[in-house]
Amino acid sequence: MSDLAIALHWQRAEPALHIGKFSSEHTVQYNSSYDVQVDAAPDWGGNPSSTNPEQALASALSSCHMMTFLALCAKAGWPVASYHDYAEAHLGKNAKGQMSVTRIDLNPVVRFDTGFSVEDAQVAEMQDRAHRYCFIANTLADSVEINIR
């Protein structure tokens, strides 16, 4: 199987590392060419214009789910014309009382080529299958509630 990697770089900007008095903003580099500015979530003192790890987790789940859904639709001969999602990660305390992402909601909207139709129940079943086969969903299955609406 593949080993998939990123590069992360953080450099202290302050004279010393003191609790609550340093920036956690850093860069994550994908494929040696694409940099993303990352910081803590705004509720935890992060820069609201930077991506945060919780958003990145929701993004990873949403992307994986979509790619799995598209592969299943292609196999079924369903002509998907567009797919949009609004994914939202929710923070809370897990069973151990620790802060964690406790739930991620996906809100996919699928459009098909003109003239093609399929029942809502069939689309819901295909979304369920995509969820069951999604690598990221399977990784999170025991610790994060995932809702597809």
Protein backbone atom coordinates (compact mmCIF):
# COMPACT_ATOMS: atom_id res chain seq x y z
CA MET A 1 0.00 0.00 0.00
CA SER A 2 0.97 3.62 -0.42
CA ASP A 3 2.74 5.78 2.10
CA LEU A 4 1.25 9.24 1.81
CA ALA A 5 3.05 12.18 3.36
CA ILE A 6 3.01 15.91 4.01
CA ALA A 7 5.73 18.24 5.27
CA LEU A 8 4.98 20.50 8.23
CA HIS A 9 7.03 23.55 9.24
CA TRP A 10 6.65 25.75 12.33
CA GLN A 11 9.12 28.40 13.44
CA ARG A 12 8.81 30.27 16.72
CA ALA A 13 8.41 34.02 16.14
CA GLU A 14 8.46 35.03 19.80
CA PRO A 15 11.60 35.38 21.96
CA ALA A 16 10.56 32.44 24.17
CA LEU A 17 8.01 29.63 24.24
CA HIS A 18 5.52 30.49 27.00
CA ILE A 19 2.02 29.07 27.49
CA GLY A 20 -0.55 31.15 25.63
CA LYS A 21 2.07 33.56 24.31
CA PHE A 22 3.22 31.95 21.09
CA SER A 23 1.77 31.50 17.65
CA SER A 24 0.93 28.00 16.54
CA GLU A 25 0.52 29.11 12.90
CA HIS A 26 2.46 26.80 10.62
CA THR A 27 2.67 25.58 7.03
CA VAL A 28 1.66 22.19 5.72
CA GLN A 29 3.11 21.34 2.33
CA TYR A 30 1.51 18.82 0.01
CA ASN A 31 3.45 17.10 -2.78
CA SER A 32 6.47 19.36 -2.31
CA SER A 33 4.65 22.21 -4.02
CA TYR A 34 1.35 23.27 -2.42
CA ASP A 35 1.51 25.15 0.91
CA VAL A 36 -1.44 25.64 3.26
CA GLN A 37 -1.33 28.03 6.22
CA VAL A 38 -2.64 26.19 9.28
CA ASP A 39 -3.38 27.37 12.80
CA ALA A 40 -5.55 26.43 15.74
CA ALA A 41 -9.31 26.92 15.43
CA PRO A 42 -10.32 30.52 16.18
CA ASP A 43 -11.99 29.43 19.47
CA TRP A 44 -8.54 28.28 20.59
CA GLY A 45 -6.75 31.49 19.62
CA GLY A 46 -5.94 30.63 16.01
CA ASN A 47 -5.95 32.92 13.01
CA PRO A 48 -9.47 32.72 11.49
CA SER A 49 -8.07 33.16 7.96
CA SER A 50 -5.91 30.04 8.29
CA THR A 51 -7.10 26.48 7.87
CA ASN A 52 -7.29 24.55 11.12
CA PRO A 53 -6.80 20.81 11.69
CA GLU A 54 -10.49 20.26 12.38
CA GLN A 55 -11.41 21.80 9.01
CA ALA A 56 -8.72 19.69 7.36
CA LEU A 57 -10.24 16.56 8.89
CA ALA A 58 -13.71 17.52 7.62
CA SER A 59 -12.18 18.25 4.21
CA ALA A 60 -10.43 14.87 4.11
CA LEU A 61 -13.67 13.06 4.97
CA SER A 62 -15.73 15.08 2.48
CA SER A 63 -13.20 14.54 -0.34
CA CYS A 64 -12.85 10.82 0.34
CA HIS A 65 -16.61 10.37 0.53
CA MET A 66 -17.13 12.25 -2.74
CA MET A 67 -14.44 10.29 -4.61
CA THR A 68 -15.91 7.01 -3.35
CA PHE A 69 -19.43 8.12 -4.31
CA LEU A 70 -18.27 9.12 -7.81
CA ALA A 71 -16.50 5.79 -8.31
CA LEU A 72 -19.63 3.90 -7.28
CA CYS A 73 -21.81 6.07 -9.54
CA ALA A 74 -19.47 5.51 -12.49
CA LYS A 75 -19.67 1.77 -11.90
CA ALA A 76 -23.48 1.98 -11.78
CA GLY A 77 -23.64 4.12 -14.92
CA TRP A 78 -25.05 7.15 -13.12
CA PRO A 79 -23.99 10.33 -14.99
CA VAL A 80 -23.09 12.70 -12.14
CA ALA A 81 -22.75 16.24 -13.47
CA SER A 82 -21.81 17.99 -10.21
CA TYR A 83 -21.26 17.28 -6.55
CA HIS A 84 -21.10 19.90 -3.82
CA ASP A 85 -20.71 19.43 -0.09
CA TYR A 86 -20.70 21.55 3.03
CA ALA A 87 -18.83 19.60 5.70
CA GLU A 88 -18.79 20.72 9.31
CA ALA A 89 -16.65 19.35 12.14
CA HIS A 90 -18.03 19.63 15.67
CA LEU A 91 -15.84 19.75 18.76
CA GLY A 92 -16.84 18.28 22.09
CA LYS A 93 -15.67 15.90 24.77
CA ASN A 94 -15.18 12.25 23.92
CA ALA A 95 -15.90 9.27 26.19
CA LYS A 96 -12.59 9.88 28.00
CA GLY A 97 -13.55 13.49 28.71
CA GLN A 98 -10.99 14.84 26.25
CA MET A 99 -11.65 17.50 23.61
CA SER A 100 -12.00 15.92 20.19
CA VAL A 101 -13.88 16.10 16.93
CA THR A 102 -16.98 14.23 18.03
CA ARG A 103 -19.09 14.61 14.89
CA ILE A 104 -18.70 15.55 11.25
CA ASP A 105 -21.74 16.41 9.17
CA LEU A 106 -21.64 16.03 5.39
CA ASN A 107 -24.28 17.76 3.28
CA PRO A 108 -23.73 16.51 -0.28
CA VAL A 109 -25.81 17.87 -3.15
CA VAL A 110 -25.61 15.76 -6.31
CA ARG A 111 -26.77 16.78 -9.77
CA PHE A 112 -27.06 14.40 -12.70
CA ASP A 113 -27.01 14.95 -16.45
CA THR A 114 -30.25 16.29 -17.93
CA GLY A 115 -32.67 13.47 -18.65
CA PHE A 116 -31.29 11.10 -16.03
CA SER A 117 -33.27 10.48 -12.89
CA VAL A 118 -32.96 8.21 -9.92
CA GLU A 119 -35.09 7.90 -6.80
CA ASP A 120 -33.98 9.75 -3.66
CA ALA A 121 -33.87 6.42 -1.81
CA GLN A 122 -31.38 5.07 -4.38
CA VAL A 123 -29.17 8.14 -3.98
CA ALA A 124 -29.33 7.73 -0.19
CA GLU A 125 -28.30 4.07 -0.53
CA MET A 126 -25.40 5.05 -2.80
CA GLN A 127 -24.33 7.68 -0.22
CA ASP A 128 -24.48 4.98 2.46
CA ARG A 129 -22.34 2.65 0.33
CA ALA A 130 -19.84 5.48 -0.27
CA HIS A 131 -19.66 6.01 3.49
CA ARG A 132 -19.01 2.31 4.13
CA TYR A 133 -16.19 2.19 1.54
CA CYS A 134 -14.56 5.57 2.29
CA PHE A 135 -11.04 5.10 3.74
CA ILE A 136 -11.26 8.17 5.97
CA ALA A 137 -14.72 7.24 7.29
CA ASN A 138 -13.41 3.79 8.12
CA THR A 139 -10.47 5.36 9.96
CA LEU A 140 -12.80 7.51 12.07
CA ALA A 141 -15.56 4.92 12.47
CA ASP A 142 -14.95 4.08 16.12
CA SER A 143 -14.48 7.62 17.40
CA VAL A 144 -16.40 10.16 15.32
CA GLU A 145 -20.11 10.27 14.51
CA ILE A 146 -20.55 10.92 10.79
CA ASN A 147 -23.88 12.17 9.44
CA ILE A 148 -24.75 12.37 5.76
CA ARG A 149 -27.76 14.53 5.14
